[in-house]
Amino acid sequence: MKWTNLAWDTITPLYQNILDMSFIRELQEGTLPLDKFQFYMLQDAKYLEHFGRVLAFLGSKCQDNAQALDFFDFGKDALIVEKALHESYFRDFGLTVQQHIPIEPVCHHYIHFLKSTAAFDSLEVAMAAVLPCFWIYKEVGDHIYSKQIVTGNPYKKWIDTYSGDEFGESVRKATDYVDLMAEQTTEKVREQMLDAFVTASRLEFQFWDAAYDVTKW
């Protein structure tokens, strides 16, 4: 069994909880209150700004040049999406560009979990920690896209972003790299990778949950 198959099996109950949560269900239905989505967008913009830098940092640690280039591209893509949030999505959803967006508790915790893992753990563990943001978003995007039951969903642009083929190719590359690294390391490191993957997956759930509750300091 590939390491990523084991990792996904481990978080399957959590993933089902994500699909069942109010934020995702109402996003799919187009009934999510605008203030909750606005809060989510602001926090996602700050998250992507830091996530992109973490990915670029991991690329700088890769010994394989092709892998390094892919992670540099992943980081660049995250920053491009962050830029699009400001230039397009913010306007579409009634948000003004702010010089300073406060980073609220769950976003703050997620960012610093990834940064500390990238800085102080092995590359294998750090790669496992960033994988849920790719993989869960793709799976959720595909799920919502396949379950569309209304026309004129105000959140369709966001849904299309994460259900697209281009993003799917990035997910495939990321999972393949993590599987390769898992094959080449020790059982102890694979266990550490799984711990990091599960922790990041929990933070994905908490990120959406915090958006629905508009959780602030």
N, C-alpha and C. Protein backbone atom coordinates (compact mmCIF):
# COMPACT_ATOMS: atom_id res chain seq x y z
N MET A 1 0.84 -1.20 0.00
CA MET A 1 0.00 0.00 0.00
C MET A 1 0.87 1.25 0.00
N LYS A 2 0.53 2.21 -0.86
CA LYS A 2 1.25 3.47 -0.87
C LYS A 2 1.01 4.23 0.44
N TRP A 3 2.01 5.03 0.82
CA TRP A 3 1.89 5.79 2.06
C TRP A 3 0.67 6.71 1.99
N THR A 4 0.44 7.33 0.85
CA THR A 4 -0.69 8.27 0.75
C THR A 4 -2.03 7.55 0.88
N ASN A 5 -2.12 6.28 0.43
CA ASN A 5 -3.35 5.52 0.63
C ASN A 5 -3.61 5.29 2.12
N LEU A 6 -2.55 4.94 2.85
CA LEU A 6 -2.67 4.76 4.30
C LEU A 6 -3.07 6.07 4.97
N ALA A 7 -2.45 7.16 4.55
CA ALA A 7 -2.74 8.47 5.14
C ALA A 7 -4.20 8.85 4.92
N TRP A 8 -4.69 8.64 3.70
CA TRP A 8 -6.08 9.02 3.41
C TRP A 8 -7.05 8.13 4.18
N ASP A 9 -6.75 6.82 4.26
CA ASP A 9 -7.60 5.93 5.04
C ASP A 9 -7.68 6.39 6.50
N THR A 10 -6.58 6.91 7.02
CA THR A 10 -6.53 7.36 8.41
C THR A 10 -7.44 8.54 8.65
N ILE A 11 -7.54 9.44 7.67
CA ILE A 11 -8.36 10.65 7.88
C ILE A 11 -9.74 10.54 7.26
N THR A 12 -10.13 9.38 6.75
CA THR A 12 -11.43 9.25 6.10
C THR A 12 -12.59 9.70 6.98
N PRO A 13 -12.64 9.32 8.27
CA PRO A 13 -13.75 9.84 9.11
C PRO A 13 -13.72 11.36 9.23
N LEU A 14 -12.53 11.94 9.33
CA LEU A 14 -12.42 13.39 9.42
C LEU A 14 -12.86 14.04 8.11
N TYR A 15 -12.48 13.45 6.98
CA TYR A 15 -12.90 13.99 5.69
C TYR A 15 -14.41 13.97 5.56
N GLN A 16 -15.05 12.89 6.03
CA GLN A 16 -16.50 12.83 5.98
C GLN A 16 -17.12 13.92 6.85
N ASN A 17 -16.49 14.19 8.00
CA ASN A 17 -16.96 15.28 8.86
C ASN A 17 -16.85 16.63 8.15
N ILE A 18 -15.80 16.79 7.35
CA ILE A 18 -15.63 18.03 6.59
C ILE A 18 -16.78 18.17 5.58
N LEU A 19 -17.10 17.11 4.86
CA LEU A 19 -18.19 17.17 3.88
C LEU A 19 -19.53 17.46 4.53
N ASP A 20 -19.68 17.03 5.79
CA ASP A 20 -20.95 17.20 6.49
C ASP A 20 -21.06 18.53 7.21
N MET A 21 -19.98 19.28 7.31
CA MET A 21 -20.02 20.49 8.13
C MET A 21 -20.84 21.58 7.45
N SER A 22 -21.39 22.47 8.26
CA SER A 22 -22.31 23.49 7.75
C SER A 22 -21.67 24.37 6.69
N PHE A 23 -20.42 24.75 6.89
CA PHE A 23 -19.76 25.64 5.93
C PHE A 23 -19.75 25.01 4.54
N ILE A 24 -19.34 23.75 4.44
CA ILE A 24 -19.22 23.09 3.14
C ILE A 24 -20.61 22.83 2.54
N ARG A 25 -21.53 22.37 3.35
CA ARG A 25 -22.87 22.07 2.84
C ARG A 25 -23.54 23.33 2.30
N GLU A 26 -23.44 24.43 3.03
CA GLU A 26 -24.08 25.67 2.60
C GLU A 26 -23.33 26.32 1.44
N LEU A 27 -22.02 26.12 1.38
CA LEU A 27 -21.25 26.59 0.23
C LEU A 27 -21.74 25.88 -1.04
N GLN A 28 -21.94 24.58 -0.92
CA GLN A 28 -22.43 23.77 -2.04
C GLN A 28 -23.83 24.23 -2.47
N GLU A 29 -24.67 24.55 -1.51
CA GLU A 29 -26.05 24.96 -1.81
C GLU A 29 -26.15 26.41 -2.24
N GLY A 30 -25.08 27.18 -2.02
CA GLY A 30 -25.12 28.61 -2.32
C GLY A 30 -25.84 29.42 -1.27
N THR A 31 -26.05 28.83 -0.09
CA THR A 31 -26.80 29.50 0.98
C THR A 31 -25.90 29.99 2.11
N LEU A 32 -24.61 29.81 1.98
CA LEU A 32 -23.69 30.24 3.03
C LEU A 32 -23.81 31.76 3.22
N PRO A 33 -24.04 32.22 4.46
CA PRO A 33 -24.13 33.67 4.68
C PRO A 33 -22.87 34.39 4.21
N LEU A 34 -23.06 35.52 3.56
CA LEU A 34 -21.94 36.24 2.97
C LEU A 34 -20.88 36.62 4.00
N ASP A 35 -21.29 37.01 5.20
CA ASP A 35 -20.30 37.43 6.19
C ASP A 35 -19.36 36.31 6.58
N LYS A 36 -19.86 35.07 6.56
CA LYS A 36 -19.01 33.93 6.88
C LYS A 36 -18.01 33.68 5.75
N PHE A 37 -18.49 33.80 4.51
CA PHE A 37 -17.57 33.61 3.39
C PHE A 37 -16.54 34.74 3.31
N GLN A 38 -16.95 35.94 3.61
CA GLN A 38 -16.01 37.07 3.63
C GLN A 38 -14.92 36.84 4.66
N PHE A 39 -15.30 36.40 5.84
CA PHE A 39 -14.32 36.10 6.88
C PHE A 39 -13.35 35.02 6.40
N TYR A 40 -13.92 33.98 5.79
CA TYR A 40 -13.09 32.89 5.24
C TYR A 40 -12.11 33.41 4.19
N MET A 41 -12.58 34.26 3.29
CA MET A 41 -11.73 34.78 2.22
C MET A 41 -10.56 35.58 2.77
N LEU A 42 -10.82 36.41 3.76
CA LEU A 42 -9.76 37.23 4.36
C LEU A 42 -8.70 36.33 5.01
N GLN A 43 -9.16 35.32 5.73
CA GLN A 43 -8.21 34.42 6.39
C GLN A 43 -7.46 33.55 5.36
N ASP A 44 -8.16 33.14 4.32
CA ASP A 44 -7.53 32.32 3.28
C ASP A 44 -6.46 33.10 2.56
N ALA A 45 -6.69 34.39 2.35
CA ALA A 45 -5.68 35.23 1.69
C ALA A 45 -4.40 35.27 2.52
N LYS A 46 -4.54 35.42 3.84
CA LYS A 46 -3.35 35.45 4.71
C LYS A 46 -2.70 34.07 4.77
N TYR A 47 -3.51 33.03 4.82
CA TYR A 47 -2.95 31.68 4.84
C TYR A 47 -2.13 31.40 3.59
N LEU A 48 -2.68 31.72 2.42
CA LEU A 48 -1.99 31.43 1.16
C LEU A 48 -0.69 32.20 1.03
N GLU A 49 -0.66 33.40 1.56
CA GLU A 49 0.56 34.20 1.54
C GLU A 49 1.70 33.47 2.24
N HIS A 50 1.41 32.87 3.37
CA HIS A 50 2.44 32.14 4.13
C HIS A 50 2.65 30.73 3.58
N PHE A 51 1.57 30.08 3.14
CA PHE A 51 1.68 28.74 2.58
C PHE A 51 2.58 28.74 1.35
N GLY A 52 2.44 29.77 0.51
CA GLY A 52 3.28 29.86 -0.68
C GLY A 52 4.76 29.94 -0.32
N ARG A 53 5.07 30.65 0.72
CA ARG A 53 6.47 30.77 1.15
C ARG A 53 7.00 29.48 1.76
N VAL A 54 6.13 28.77 2.46
CA VAL A 54 6.53 27.46 3.00
C VAL A 54 6.86 26.50 1.85
N LEU A 55 6.02 26.49 0.83
CA LEU A 55 6.26 25.60 -0.32
C LEU A 55 7.56 25.95 -1.02
N ALA A 56 7.84 27.24 -1.19
CA ALA A 56 9.09 27.65 -1.83
C ALA A 56 10.29 27.24 -0.97
N PHE A 57 10.15 27.37 0.34
CA PHE A 57 11.22 26.95 1.25
C PHE A 57 11.49 25.46 1.13
N LEU A 58 10.43 24.66 1.04
CA LEU A 58 10.61 23.22 0.87
C LEU A 58 11.29 22.92 -0.46
N GLY A 59 10.93 23.68 -1.50
CA GLY A 59 11.60 23.50 -2.78
C GLY A 59 13.09 23.74 -2.68
N SER A 60 13.49 24.71 -1.88
CA SER A 60 14.92 25.03 -1.72
C SER A 60 15.68 23.91 -1.01
N LYS A 61 14.96 23.04 -0.31
CA LYS A 61 15.59 21.93 0.42
C LYS A 61 15.63 20.64 -0.39
N CYS A 62 14.95 20.61 -1.54
CA CYS A 62 14.90 19.40 -2.36
C CYS A 62 16.23 19.18 -3.08
N GLN A 63 16.70 17.94 -3.06
CA GLN A 63 17.92 17.60 -3.78
C GLN A 63 17.67 17.39 -5.27
N ASP A 64 16.48 16.92 -5.60
CA ASP A 64 16.12 16.69 -6.99
C ASP A 64 15.64 17.99 -7.63
N ASN A 65 16.24 18.38 -8.74
CA ASN A 65 15.92 19.67 -9.35
C ASN A 65 14.48 19.75 -9.85
N ALA A 66 13.97 18.65 -10.42
CA ALA A 66 12.59 18.66 -10.92
C ALA A 66 11.62 18.85 -9.76
N GLN A 67 11.88 18.18 -8.65
CA GLN A 67 11.03 18.32 -7.47
C GLN A 67 11.11 19.74 -6.93
N ALA A 68 12.32 20.28 -6.89
CA ALA A 68 12.50 21.66 -6.41
C ALA A 68 11.70 22.63 -7.27
N LEU A 69 11.79 22.47 -8.59
CA LEU A 69 11.07 23.37 -9.49
C LEU A 69 9.56 23.25 -9.30
N ASP A 70 9.07 22.03 -9.10
CA ASP A 70 7.64 21.85 -8.89
C ASP A 70 7.18 22.54 -7.60
N PHE A 71 7.97 22.43 -6.54
CA PHE A 71 7.56 23.08 -5.30
C PHE A 71 7.70 24.60 -5.38
N PHE A 72 8.67 25.08 -6.15
CA PHE A 72 8.71 26.53 -6.40
C PHE A 72 7.44 26.96 -7.13
N ASP A 73 7.02 26.14 -8.10
CA ASP A 73 5.78 26.46 -8.84
C ASP A 73 4.56 26.39 -7.93
N PHE A 74 4.52 25.38 -7.05
CA PHE A 74 3.40 25.30 -6.11
C PHE A 74 3.32 26.58 -5.27
N GLY A 75 4.48 27.02 -4.80
CA GLY A 75 4.50 28.24 -3.99
C GLY A 75 4.07 29.45 -4.78
N LYS A 76 4.54 29.54 -6.03
CA LYS A 76 4.15 30.65 -6.89
C LYS A 76 2.64 30.62 -7.15
N ASP A 77 2.10 29.44 -7.41
CA ASP A 77 0.67 29.32 -7.67
C ASP A 77 -0.16 29.76 -6.47
N ALA A 78 0.30 29.41 -5.26
CA ALA A 78 -0.43 29.83 -4.05
C ALA A 78 -0.46 31.34 -3.95
N LEU A 79 0.66 31.99 -4.28
CA LEU A 79 0.71 33.45 -4.22
C LEU A 79 -0.11 34.09 -5.34
N ILE A 80 -0.17 33.42 -6.49
CA ILE A 80 -1.01 33.93 -7.59
C ILE A 80 -2.49 33.87 -7.18
N VAL A 81 -2.89 32.77 -6.54
CA VAL A 81 -4.28 32.67 -6.07
C VAL A 81 -4.55 33.74 -5.02
N GLU A 82 -3.58 33.97 -4.12
CA GLU A 82 -3.73 35.01 -3.10
C GLU A 82 -3.93 36.37 -3.77
N LYS A 83 -3.16 36.64 -4.83
CA LYS A 83 -3.29 37.89 -5.57
C LYS A 83 -4.68 37.99 -6.22
N ALA A 84 -5.15 36.86 -6.76
CA ALA A 84 -6.48 36.85 -7.39
C ALA A 84 -7.58 37.12 -6.37
N LEU A 85 -7.38 36.63 -5.14
CA LEU A 85 -8.36 36.89 -4.10
C LEU A 85 -8.53 38.39 -3.90
N HIS A 86 -7.39 39.10 -3.86
CA HIS A 86 -7.44 40.54 -3.65
C HIS A 86 -8.03 41.27 -4.86
N GLU A 87 -7.63 40.86 -6.05
CA GLU A 87 -7.98 41.63 -7.24
C GLU A 87 -9.36 41.28 -7.81
N SER A 88 -9.85 40.09 -7.54
CA SER A 88 -11.11 39.66 -8.14
C SER A 88 -12.13 39.24 -7.09
N TYR A 89 -11.79 38.23 -6.30
CA TYR A 89 -12.75 37.68 -5.36
C TYR A 89 -13.17 38.70 -4.31
N PHE A 90 -12.22 39.49 -3.82
CA PHE A 90 -12.57 40.50 -2.83
C PHE A 90 -13.62 41.45 -3.40
N ARG A 91 -13.41 41.86 -4.63
CA ARG A 91 -14.37 42.77 -5.28
C ARG A 91 -15.72 42.07 -5.47
N ASP A 92 -15.67 40.83 -5.92
CA ASP A 92 -16.91 40.09 -6.17
C ASP A 92 -17.75 39.91 -4.91
N PHE A 93 -17.08 39.78 -3.77
CA PHE A 93 -17.80 39.49 -2.53
C PHE A 93 -17.81 40.66 -1.56
N GLY A 94 -17.64 41.87 -2.09
CA GLY A 94 -17.86 43.06 -1.31
C GLY A 94 -16.82 43.35 -0.26
N LEU A 95 -15.58 42.92 -0.50
CA LEU A 95 -14.50 43.20 0.44
C LEU A 95 -13.58 44.25 -0.14
N THR A 96 -13.07 45.12 0.70
CA THR A 96 -12.09 46.12 0.28
C THR A 96 -10.69 45.60 0.57
N VAL A 97 -9.74 45.96 -0.28
CA VAL A 97 -8.35 45.56 -0.06
C VAL A 97 -7.83 46.26 1.19
N GLN A 98 -7.33 45.48 2.11
CA GLN A 98 -6.83 46.03 3.36
C GLN A 98 -5.32 45.88 3.44
N GLN A 99 -4.66 46.92 3.93
CA GLN A 99 -3.21 46.84 4.11
C GLN A 99 -2.86 45.81 5.17
N HIS A 100 -3.67 45.75 6.20
CA HIS A 100 -3.40 44.81 7.29
C HIS A 100 -4.64 43.99 7.57
N ILE A 101 -4.56 42.70 7.28
CA ILE A 101 -5.63 41.78 7.59
C ILE A 101 -5.21 41.01 8.84
N PRO A 102 -5.95 41.12 9.94
CA PRO A 102 -5.56 40.39 11.15
C PRO A 102 -5.64 38.88 10.93
N ILE A 103 -4.65 38.17 11.42
CA ILE A 103 -4.65 36.72 11.33
C ILE A 103 -5.30 36.17 12.59
N GLU A 104 -6.46 35.55 12.41
CA GLU A 104 -7.24 35.07 13.54
C GLU A 104 -6.72 33.71 14.03
N PRO A 105 -7.19 33.22 15.20
CA PRO A 105 -6.52 32.12 15.90
C PRO A 105 -6.23 30.86 15.09
N VAL A 106 -7.23 30.30 14.40
CA VAL A 106 -7.00 29.03 13.71
C VAL A 106 -6.04 29.21 12.54
N CYS A 107 -6.21 30.28 11.78
CA CYS A 107 -5.29 30.57 10.69
C CYS A 107 -3.87 30.75 11.22
N HIS A 108 -3.75 31.46 12.31
CA HIS A 108 -2.44 31.69 12.94
C HIS A 108 -1.80 30.36 13.34
N HIS A 109 -2.58 29.49 13.95
CA HIS A 109 -2.05 28.20 14.39
C HIS A 109 -1.62 27.34 13.19
N TYR A 110 -2.44 27.33 12.15
CA TYR A 110 -2.13 26.52 10.97
C TYR A 110 -0.84 27.02 10.30
N ILE A 111 -0.74 28.32 10.10
CA ILE A 111 0.45 28.90 9.49
C ILE A 111 1.70 28.51 10.27
N HIS A 112 1.65 28.67 11.58
CA HIS A 112 2.85 28.43 12.38
C HIS A 112 3.14 26.96 12.58
N PHE A 113 2.13 26.12 12.49
CA PHE A 113 2.39 24.68 12.46
C PHE A 113 3.21 24.32 11.22
N LEU A 114 2.80 24.83 10.05
CA LEU A 114 3.52 24.53 8.82
C LEU A 114 4.92 25.11 8.83
N LYS A 115 5.05 26.33 9.31
CA LYS A 115 6.37 26.98 9.34
C LYS A 115 7.33 26.24 10.28
N SER A 116 6.85 25.89 11.45
CA SER A 116 7.73 25.21 12.40
C SER A 116 8.09 23.81 11.91
N THR A 117 7.13 23.13 11.27
CA THR A 117 7.42 21.80 10.73
C THR A 117 8.45 21.89 9.61
N ALA A 118 8.30 22.88 8.73
CA ALA A 118 9.26 23.06 7.64
C ALA A 118 10.64 23.40 8.17
N ALA A 119 10.70 24.15 9.24
CA ALA A 119 11.99 24.62 9.77
C ALA A 119 12.71 23.57 10.61
N PHE A 120 11.95 22.78 11.38
CA PHE A 120 12.60 21.95 12.39
C PHE A 120 12.45 20.45 12.19
N ASP A 121 11.56 20.03 11.30
CA ASP A 121 11.41 18.60 11.03
C ASP A 121 12.06 18.25 9.70
N SER A 122 12.10 16.96 9.41
CA SER A 122 12.72 16.52 8.17
C SER A 122 11.88 16.96 6.97
N LEU A 123 12.50 16.94 5.80
CA LEU A 123 11.79 17.32 4.58
C LEU A 123 10.61 16.39 4.34
N GLU A 124 10.78 15.10 4.64
CA GLU A 124 9.69 14.14 4.45
C GLU A 124 8.46 14.53 5.29
N VAL A 125 8.70 14.88 6.53
CA VAL A 125 7.60 15.24 7.44
C VAL A 125 6.95 16.55 6.98
N ALA A 126 7.78 17.50 6.58
CA ALA A 126 7.25 18.79 6.12
C ALA A 126 6.41 18.62 4.86
N MET A 127 6.84 17.75 3.95
CA MET A 127 6.06 17.49 2.74
C MET A 127 4.70 16.87 3.08
N ALA A 128 4.69 15.97 4.06
CA ALA A 128 3.44 15.36 4.49
C ALA A 128 2.52 16.40 5.12
N ALA A 129 3.09 17.37 5.82
CA ALA A 129 2.29 18.39 6.50
C ALA A 129 1.60 19.32 5.52
N VAL A 130 2.21 19.62 4.38
CA VAL A 130 1.58 20.54 3.42
C VAL A 130 0.60 19.83 2.49
N LEU A 131 0.66 18.49 2.46
CA LEU A 131 -0.16 17.74 1.50
C LEU A 131 -1.68 17.91 1.71
N PRO A 132 -2.20 17.92 2.93
CA PRO A 132 -3.66 18.04 3.08
C PRO A 132 -4.25 19.29 2.44
N CYS A 133 -3.52 20.40 2.45
CA CYS A 133 -4.05 21.61 1.83
C CYS A 133 -4.27 21.40 0.34
N PHE A 134 -3.39 20.67 -0.31
CA PHE A 134 -3.59 20.32 -1.72
C PHE A 134 -4.78 19.34 -1.86
N TRP A 135 -4.63 18.24 -1.17
CA TRP A 135 -5.45 17.06 -1.43
C TRP A 135 -6.89 17.24 -0.95
N ILE A 136 -7.07 17.70 0.29
CA ILE A 136 -8.42 17.86 0.82
C ILE A 136 -9.19 18.92 0.03
N TYR A 137 -8.50 20.02 -0.32
CA TYR A 137 -9.18 21.06 -1.11
C TYR A 137 -9.65 20.51 -2.45
N LYS A 138 -8.81 19.70 -3.09
CA LYS A 138 -9.19 19.12 -4.37
C LYS A 138 -10.39 18.18 -4.21
N GLU A 139 -10.35 17.33 -3.20
CA GLU A 139 -11.45 16.39 -2.98
C GLU A 139 -12.75 17.12 -2.64
N VAL A 140 -12.65 18.14 -1.79
CA VAL A 140 -13.84 18.91 -1.42
C VAL A 140 -14.38 19.66 -2.63
N GLY A 141 -13.47 20.27 -3.41
CA GLY A 141 -13.90 20.97 -4.62
C GLY A 141 -14.61 20.06 -5.59
N ASP A 142 -14.07 18.86 -5.80
CA ASP A 142 -14.70 17.89 -6.70
C ASP A 142 -16.07 17.45 -6.16
N HIS A 143 -16.12 17.23 -4.85
CA HIS A 143 -17.38 16.80 -4.24
C HIS A 143 -18.47 17.86 -4.43
N ILE A 144 -18.13 19.12 -4.12
CA ILE A 144 -19.11 20.19 -4.25
C ILE A 144 -19.54 20.34 -5.71
N TYR A 145 -18.56 20.29 -6.61
CA TYR A 145 -18.86 20.44 -8.04
C TYR A 145 -19.82 19.35 -8.51
N SER A 146 -19.61 18.12 -8.04
CA SER A 146 -20.44 17.00 -8.48
C SER A 146 -21.84 17.03 -7.87
N LYS A 147 -21.98 17.79 -6.78
CA LYS A 147 -23.26 17.82 -6.07
C LYS A 147 -24.05 19.10 -6.34
N GLN A 148 -23.62 19.88 -7.31
CA GLN A 148 -24.32 21.13 -7.59
C GLN A 148 -25.78 20.87 -7.94
N ILE A 149 -26.65 21.51 -7.19
CA ILE A 149 -28.09 21.31 -7.41
C ILE A 149 -28.80 22.62 -7.71
N VAL A 150 -28.05 23.72 -7.71
CA VAL A 150 -28.67 25.02 -7.98
C VAL A 150 -27.86 25.73 -9.06
N THR A 151 -28.54 26.58 -9.81
CA THR A 151 -27.86 27.44 -10.76
C THR A 151 -27.65 28.81 -10.10
N GLY A 152 -26.64 29.51 -10.55
CA GLY A 152 -26.40 30.83 -9.99
C GLY A 152 -25.80 30.82 -8.60
N ASN A 153 -25.09 29.74 -8.25
CA ASN A 153 -24.42 29.70 -6.95
C ASN A 153 -23.42 30.85 -6.88
N PRO A 154 -23.53 31.76 -5.91
CA PRO A 154 -22.62 32.91 -5.84
C PRO A 154 -21.17 32.52 -5.58
N TYR A 155 -20.95 31.28 -5.17
CA TYR A 155 -19.59 30.84 -4.85
C TYR A 155 -19.01 29.94 -5.94
N LYS A 156 -19.62 29.95 -7.11
CA LYS A 156 -19.20 29.07 -8.19
C LYS A 156 -17.75 29.28 -8.59
N LYS A 157 -17.28 30.52 -8.60
CA LYS A 157 -15.89 30.78 -9.01
C LYS A 157 -14.90 30.08 -8.08
N TRP A 158 -15.18 30.15 -6.78
CA TRP A 158 -14.30 29.45 -5.83
C TRP A 158 -14.35 27.94 -6.07
N ILE A 159 -15.55 27.41 -6.26
CA ILE A 159 -15.71 25.98 -6.49
C ILE A 159 -14.94 25.54 -7.73
N ASP A 160 -15.04 26.32 -8.80
CA ASP A 160 -14.36 25.97 -10.05
C ASP A 160 -12.83 25.97 -9.88
N THR A 161 -12.32 26.87 -9.04
CA THR A 161 -10.86 26.96 -8.83
C THR A 161 -10.30 25.65 -8.31
N TYR A 162 -10.99 25.05 -7.35
CA TYR A 162 -10.45 23.86 -6.69
C TYR A 162 -10.95 22.55 -7.27
N SER A 163 -11.80 22.61 -8.28
CA SER A 163 -12.23 21.37 -8.94
C SER A 163 -11.64 21.26 -10.34
N GLY A 164 -10.76 22.18 -10.70
CA GLY A 164 -10.21 22.20 -12.05
C GLY A 164 -9.10 21.18 -12.27
N ASP A 165 -8.84 20.88 -13.55
CA ASP A 165 -7.82 19.89 -13.91
C ASP A 165 -6.42 20.38 -13.56
N GLU A 166 -6.15 21.66 -13.71
CA GLU A 166 -4.81 22.19 -13.43
C GLU A 166 -4.45 21.98 -11.96
N PHE A 167 -5.39 22.28 -11.07
CA PHE A 167 -5.14 22.06 -9.65
C PHE A 167 -5.00 20.56 -9.37
N GLY A 168 -5.77 19.75 -10.07
CA GLY A 168 -5.68 18.31 -9.90
C GLY A 168 -4.31 17.76 -10.26
N GLU A 169 -3.67 18.33 -11.27
CA GLU A 169 -2.32 17.90 -11.65
C GLU A 169 -1.33 18.24 -10.55
N SER A 170 -1.48 19.38 -9.91
CA SER A 170 -0.60 19.75 -8.79
C SER A 170 -0.76 18.75 -7.64
N VAL A 171 -1.99 18.35 -7.37
CA VAL A 171 -2.24 17.38 -6.30
C VAL A 171 -1.57 16.06 -6.64
N ARG A 172 -1.70 15.63 -7.88
CA ARG A 172 -1.08 14.35 -8.29
C ARG A 172 0.43 14.39 -8.09
N LYS A 173 1.06 15.48 -8.52
CA LYS A 173 2.51 15.60 -8.35
C LYS A 173 2.91 15.58 -6.88
N ALA A 174 2.17 16.33 -6.06
CA ALA A 174 2.50 16.41 -4.64
C ALA A 174 2.37 15.05 -3.97
N THR A 175 1.30 14.30 -4.26
CA THR A 175 1.13 12.98 -3.64
C THR A 175 2.21 12.01 -4.12
N ASP A 176 2.57 12.09 -5.39
CA ASP A 176 3.61 11.21 -5.91
C ASP A 176 4.95 11.48 -5.23
N TYR A 177 5.27 12.74 -5.02
CA TYR A 177 6.53 13.08 -4.35
C TYR A 177 6.54 12.57 -2.91
N VAL A 178 5.43 12.72 -2.22
CA VAL A 178 5.37 12.27 -0.82
C VAL A 178 5.48 10.74 -0.77
N ASP A 179 4.83 10.04 -1.68
CA ASP A 179 4.95 8.57 -1.72
C ASP A 179 6.40 8.16 -1.96
N LEU A 180 7.08 8.83 -2.87
CA LEU A 180 8.47 8.49 -3.17
C LEU A 180 9.35 8.70 -1.94
N MET A 181 9.14 9.80 -1.24
CA MET A 181 9.94 10.09 -0.06
C MET A 181 9.64 9.09 1.05
N ALA A 182 8.38 8.70 1.18
CA ALA A 182 8.00 7.71 2.19
C ALA A 182 8.67 6.37 1.93
N GLU A 183 8.76 5.98 0.66
CA GLU A 183 9.40 4.71 0.29
C GLU A 183 10.88 4.70 0.66
N GLN A 184 11.51 5.85 0.63
CA GLN A 184 12.95 5.93 0.78
C GLN A 184 13.41 6.26 2.20
N THR A 185 12.48 6.32 3.14
CA THR A 185 12.85 6.67 4.50
C THR A 185 12.54 5.53 5.46
N THR A 186 12.66 5.80 6.76
CA THR A 186 12.49 4.76 7.77
C THR A 186 11.04 4.69 8.26
N GLU A 187 10.71 3.62 8.94
CA GLU A 187 9.36 3.47 9.50
C GLU A 187 9.08 4.55 10.52
N LYS A 188 10.07 4.93 11.30
CA LYS A 188 9.87 5.98 12.30
C LYS A 188 9.50 7.30 11.63
N VAL A 189 10.20 7.63 10.54
CA VAL A 189 9.90 8.88 9.84
C VAL A 189 8.52 8.80 9.19
N ARG A 190 8.17 7.64 8.66
CA ARG A 190 6.83 7.49 8.08
C ARG A 190 5.74 7.73 9.13
N GLU A 191 5.98 7.29 10.35
CA GLU A 191 5.03 7.54 11.44
C GLU A 191 4.94 9.03 11.74
N GLN A 192 6.08 9.71 11.72
CA GLN A 192 6.09 11.16 11.94
C GLN A 192 5.36 11.88 10.80
N MET A 193 5.55 11.39 9.59
CA MET A 193 4.84 11.94 8.44
C MET A 193 3.33 11.82 8.63
N LEU A 194 2.89 10.66 9.09
CA LEU A 194 1.46 10.45 9.28
C LEU A 194 0.91 11.38 10.36
N ASP A 195 1.66 11.55 11.43
CA ASP A 195 1.22 12.47 12.49
C ASP A 195 1.05 13.89 11.94
N ALA A 196 2.00 14.33 11.12
CA ALA A 196 1.93 15.67 10.55
C ALA A 196 0.77 15.79 9.58
N PHE A 197 0.53 14.76 8.79
CA PHE A 197 -0.57 14.76 7.83
C PHE A 197 -1.91 14.85 8.56
N VAL A 198 -2.07 14.07 9.62
CA VAL A 198 -3.32 14.07 10.38
C VAL A 198 -3.54 15.42 11.06
N THR A 199 -2.47 15.98 11.64
CA THR A 199 -2.59 17.28 12.30
C THR A 199 -3.03 18.36 11.31
N ALA A 200 -2.40 18.39 10.14
CA ALA A 200 -2.77 19.39 9.13
C ALA A 200 -4.20 19.17 8.64
N SER A 201 -4.63 17.93 8.54
CA SER A 201 -6.00 17.63 8.12
C SER A 201 -7.00 18.14 9.16
N ARG A 202 -6.68 17.98 10.42
CA ARG A 202 -7.54 18.52 11.48
C ARG A 202 -7.62 20.04 11.39
N LEU A 203 -6.52 20.66 11.06
CA LEU A 203 -6.51 22.12 10.93
C LEU A 203 -7.31 22.58 9.73
N GLU A 204 -7.37 21.75 8.67
CA GLU A 204 -8.24 22.08 7.55
C GLU A 204 -9.70 22.14 8.02
N PHE A 205 -10.10 21.14 8.79
CA PHE A 205 -11.47 21.15 9.34
C PHE A 205 -11.68 22.39 10.20
N GLN A 206 -10.74 22.67 11.08
CA GLN A 206 -10.89 23.79 12.00
C GLN A 206 -10.91 25.13 11.27
N PHE A 207 -10.19 25.22 10.16
CA PHE A 207 -10.17 26.47 9.39
C PHE A 207 -11.57 26.81 8.89
N TRP A 208 -12.26 25.82 8.30
CA TRP A 208 -13.62 26.05 7.80
C TRP A 208 -14.59 26.24 8.96
N ASP A 209 -14.40 25.49 10.03
CA ASP A 209 -15.27 25.61 11.19
C ASP A 209 -15.15 26.99 11.82
N ALA A 210 -13.92 27.51 11.89
CA ALA A 210 -13.70 28.84 12.44
C ALA A 210 -14.33 29.92 11.55
N ALA A 211 -14.31 29.68 10.24
CA ALA A 211 -14.94 30.63 9.32
C ALA A 211 -16.46 30.66 9.55
N TYR A 212 -17.05 29.51 9.75
CA TYR A 212 -18.50 29.45 9.95
C TYR A 212 -18.89 30.15 11.26
N ASP A 213 -18.06 29.98 12.27
CA ASP A 213 -18.33 30.61 13.57
C ASP A 213 -17.77 32.02 13.68
N VAL A 214 -17.02 32.46 12.64
CA VAL A 214 -16.34 33.77 12.65
C VAL A 214 -15.52 33.90 13.94
N THR A 215 -14.63 32.93 14.14
CA THR A 215 -13.84 32.88 15.36
C THR A 215 -12.69 33.88 15.33
N LYS A 216 -12.68 34.77 16.30
CA LYS A 216 -11.65 35.78 16.41
C LYS A 216 -10.96 35.68 17.76
N TRP A 217 -9.88 36.43 17.90
CA TRP A 217 -9.17 36.45 19.17
C TRP A 217 -10.07 36.98 20.27
